[in-house]
N, C-alpha and C. Protein backbone atom coordinates (compact mmCIF):
# COMPACT_ATOMS: atom_id res chain seq x y z
N MET A 1 18.83 97.47 64.69
CA MET A 1 17.46 97.06 64.88
C MET A 1 16.69 97.16 63.58
N GLU A 2 17.29 97.80 62.61
CA GLU A 2 16.63 97.92 61.32
C GLU A 2 16.46 96.52 60.72
N GLY A 3 15.29 96.23 60.26
CA GLY A 3 15.02 94.91 59.69
C GLY A 3 14.51 93.91 60.71
N SER A 4 14.50 94.29 61.99
CA SER A 4 13.99 93.38 63.02
C SER A 4 12.48 93.26 62.90
N LYS A 5 11.98 92.06 63.11
CA LYS A 5 10.53 91.85 63.06
C LYS A 5 9.87 92.32 64.35
N ILE A 6 10.51 92.04 65.47
CA ILE A 6 9.96 92.42 66.78
C ILE A 6 11.09 92.98 67.62
N ILE A 7 10.81 94.09 68.29
CA ILE A 7 11.79 94.70 69.18
C ILE A 7 11.19 94.73 70.58
N VAL A 8 11.91 94.11 71.51
CA VAL A 8 11.53 94.13 72.92
C VAL A 8 12.58 94.95 73.65
N ALA A 9 12.12 95.96 74.38
CA ALA A 9 13.04 96.82 75.13
C ALA A 9 12.69 96.76 76.61
N ILE A 10 13.74 96.63 77.45
CA ILE A 10 13.56 96.61 78.90
C ILE A 10 14.39 97.75 79.46
N ASP A 11 13.77 98.58 80.26
CA ASP A 11 14.48 99.70 80.89
C ASP A 11 13.77 100.07 82.17
N LYS A 12 14.54 100.54 83.13
CA LYS A 12 13.95 100.96 84.41
C LYS A 12 13.17 102.26 84.28
N GLY A 13 13.54 103.08 83.30
CA GLY A 13 12.87 104.37 83.12
C GLY A 13 11.71 104.27 82.16
N ALA A 14 10.54 104.72 82.59
CA ALA A 14 9.34 104.63 81.76
C ALA A 14 9.42 105.49 80.51
N LYS A 15 10.31 106.48 80.51
CA LYS A 15 10.42 107.38 79.35
C LYS A 15 11.72 107.14 78.57
N ALA A 16 12.23 105.93 78.63
CA ALA A 16 13.46 105.60 77.90
C ALA A 16 13.26 105.81 76.40
N PRO A 17 14.21 106.46 75.73
CA PRO A 17 14.08 106.72 74.30
C PRO A 17 13.86 105.46 73.45
N ILE A 18 14.42 104.35 73.86
CA ILE A 18 14.29 103.11 73.09
C ILE A 18 12.84 102.66 72.98
N PHE A 19 12.02 103.05 73.95
CA PHE A 19 10.62 102.63 73.95
C PHE A 19 9.85 103.14 72.74
N SER A 20 10.30 104.24 72.15
CA SER A 20 9.60 104.75 70.97
C SER A 20 9.79 103.83 69.77
N GLU A 21 10.82 103.01 69.79
CA GLU A 21 11.10 102.06 68.69
C GLU A 21 10.61 100.65 68.99
N ALA A 22 10.31 100.38 70.26
CA ALA A 22 10.00 99.01 70.69
C ALA A 22 8.55 98.62 70.41
N ASP A 23 8.39 97.37 69.99
CA ASP A 23 7.05 96.80 69.86
C ASP A 23 6.51 96.42 71.23
N TYR A 24 7.43 95.99 72.11
CA TYR A 24 7.07 95.58 73.46
C TYR A 24 7.98 96.30 74.45
N PRO A 25 7.59 97.50 74.89
CA PRO A 25 8.39 98.18 75.91
C PRO A 25 8.03 97.63 77.30
N ILE A 26 9.05 97.26 78.06
CA ILE A 26 8.83 96.71 79.39
C ILE A 26 9.60 97.56 80.39
N VAL A 27 8.89 98.13 81.34
CA VAL A 27 9.51 98.94 82.38
C VAL A 27 9.84 98.04 83.56
N GLY A 28 11.12 98.00 83.91
CA GLY A 28 11.54 97.18 85.04
C GLY A 28 13.01 96.87 84.98
N ASP A 29 13.46 96.10 85.94
CA ASP A 29 14.86 95.71 86.05
C ASP A 29 15.09 94.44 85.23
N GLU A 30 16.04 94.49 84.34
CA GLU A 30 16.30 93.34 83.46
C GLU A 30 16.62 92.07 84.25
N PHE A 31 17.22 92.22 85.42
CA PHE A 31 17.61 91.05 86.21
C PHE A 31 16.41 90.38 86.87
N HIS A 32 15.28 91.06 86.89
CA HIS A 32 14.04 90.46 87.38
C HIS A 32 13.16 90.00 86.22
N ILE A 33 13.16 90.76 85.15
CA ILE A 33 12.26 90.49 84.03
C ILE A 33 12.76 89.33 83.16
N LEU A 34 14.04 89.31 82.84
CA LEU A 34 14.54 88.26 81.94
C LEU A 34 14.39 86.85 82.50
N PRO A 35 14.64 86.60 83.78
CA PRO A 35 14.39 85.24 84.29
C PRO A 35 12.93 84.83 84.16
N GLU A 36 12.00 85.76 84.37
CA GLU A 36 10.58 85.45 84.21
C GLU A 36 10.26 85.13 82.75
N CYS A 37 10.84 85.91 81.84
CA CYS A 37 10.63 85.64 80.41
C CYS A 37 11.19 84.28 80.03
N GLU A 38 12.36 83.96 80.56
CA GLU A 38 12.97 82.67 80.26
C GLU A 38 12.10 81.52 80.75
N ARG A 39 11.55 81.65 81.95
CA ARG A 39 10.67 80.59 82.48
C ARG A 39 9.42 80.44 81.61
N ALA A 40 8.88 81.55 81.16
CA ALA A 40 7.67 81.49 80.32
C ALA A 40 7.97 80.81 78.98
N VAL A 41 9.11 81.15 78.39
CA VAL A 41 9.49 80.53 77.11
C VAL A 41 9.77 79.05 77.31
N ASP A 42 10.47 78.70 78.38
CA ASP A 42 10.74 77.28 78.66
C ASP A 42 9.45 76.49 78.81
N ALA A 43 8.51 77.04 79.57
CA ALA A 43 7.23 76.34 79.80
C ALA A 43 6.48 76.18 78.49
N ALA A 44 6.46 77.21 77.66
CA ALA A 44 5.77 77.12 76.37
C ALA A 44 6.46 76.12 75.45
N SER A 45 7.79 76.10 75.47
CA SER A 45 8.54 75.16 74.63
C SER A 45 8.29 73.73 75.05
N ILE A 46 8.25 73.48 76.34
CA ILE A 46 8.01 72.13 76.84
C ILE A 46 6.62 71.67 76.44
N GLN A 47 5.63 72.56 76.59
CA GLN A 47 4.27 72.20 76.22
C GLN A 47 4.18 71.89 74.73
N THR A 48 4.81 72.70 73.91
CA THR A 48 4.79 72.49 72.46
C THR A 48 5.47 71.18 72.10
N TYR A 49 6.63 70.91 72.71
CA TYR A 49 7.35 69.66 72.44
C TYR A 49 6.51 68.46 72.87
N ALA A 50 5.95 68.53 74.07
CA ALA A 50 5.17 67.40 74.58
C ALA A 50 3.96 67.14 73.70
N THR A 51 3.29 68.19 73.25
CA THR A 51 2.13 68.03 72.39
C THR A 51 2.53 67.39 71.07
N SER A 52 3.66 67.84 70.51
CA SER A 52 4.11 67.30 69.21
C SER A 52 4.53 65.84 69.32
N GLN A 53 4.90 65.40 70.51
CA GLN A 53 5.33 64.01 70.71
C GLN A 53 4.17 63.11 71.13
N GLY A 54 2.98 63.68 71.22
CA GLY A 54 1.81 62.88 71.59
C GLY A 54 1.73 62.54 73.06
N VAL A 55 2.37 63.34 73.90
CA VAL A 55 2.32 63.10 75.33
C VAL A 55 0.91 63.42 75.84
N PRO A 56 0.32 62.53 76.63
CA PRO A 56 -1.03 62.78 77.14
C PRO A 56 -1.12 64.07 77.95
N ALA A 57 -2.29 64.67 77.96
CA ALA A 57 -2.51 65.96 78.63
C ALA A 57 -2.10 65.91 80.10
N ARG A 58 -2.37 64.79 80.76
CA ARG A 58 -2.02 64.66 82.18
C ARG A 58 -0.52 64.85 82.40
N GLN A 59 0.28 64.24 81.52
CA GLN A 59 1.73 64.38 81.64
C GLN A 59 2.19 65.76 81.20
N ARG A 60 1.50 66.38 80.24
CA ARG A 60 1.87 67.74 79.82
C ARG A 60 1.69 68.71 80.97
N ALA A 61 0.69 68.46 81.83
CA ALA A 61 0.48 69.33 82.98
C ALA A 61 1.72 69.33 83.88
N TRP A 62 2.32 68.16 84.04
CA TRP A 62 3.55 68.08 84.83
C TRP A 62 4.68 68.81 84.14
N ALA A 63 4.70 68.78 82.82
CA ALA A 63 5.77 69.43 82.08
C ALA A 63 5.78 70.94 82.31
N SER A 64 4.62 71.52 82.57
CA SER A 64 4.59 72.97 82.78
C SER A 64 5.28 73.37 84.07
N ALA A 65 5.62 72.40 84.91
CA ALA A 65 6.31 72.70 86.15
C ALA A 65 7.74 73.21 85.90
N GLY A 66 8.29 72.89 84.75
CA GLY A 66 9.62 73.40 84.45
C GLY A 66 10.42 72.47 83.57
N PRO A 67 11.57 72.94 83.09
CA PRO A 67 12.39 72.17 82.16
C PRO A 67 13.01 70.92 82.76
N THR A 68 13.08 70.83 84.07
CA THR A 68 13.69 69.66 84.71
C THR A 68 12.94 68.39 84.33
N ILE A 69 11.63 68.47 84.27
CA ILE A 69 10.81 67.29 83.96
C ILE A 69 11.10 66.77 82.57
N LEU A 70 11.34 67.67 81.62
CA LEU A 70 11.62 67.25 80.25
C LEU A 70 12.86 66.37 80.21
N ARG A 71 13.84 66.68 81.03
CA ARG A 71 15.08 65.90 81.04
C ARG A 71 14.84 64.47 81.49
N HIS A 72 13.78 64.24 82.25
CA HIS A 72 13.50 62.90 82.76
C HIS A 72 12.68 62.06 81.80
N TRP A 73 12.18 62.65 80.72
CA TRP A 73 11.36 61.89 79.76
C TRP A 73 12.21 61.00 78.92
């Protein structure tokens, strides 16, 4: 982790030792948290891509529904 710009740690225990090194300590089950993080990143990526391609705001709103819509563009 040395040299990392950002450290995100996920652990079920609120007092996990790794949290002292983490920039973003997240208490919870990784199998619940990571899918939510993935959806958030996908939605942000789609919005960024759509904006960079000049897609009108109305269509960008549909893009936030998920990555499936991007495949249809």
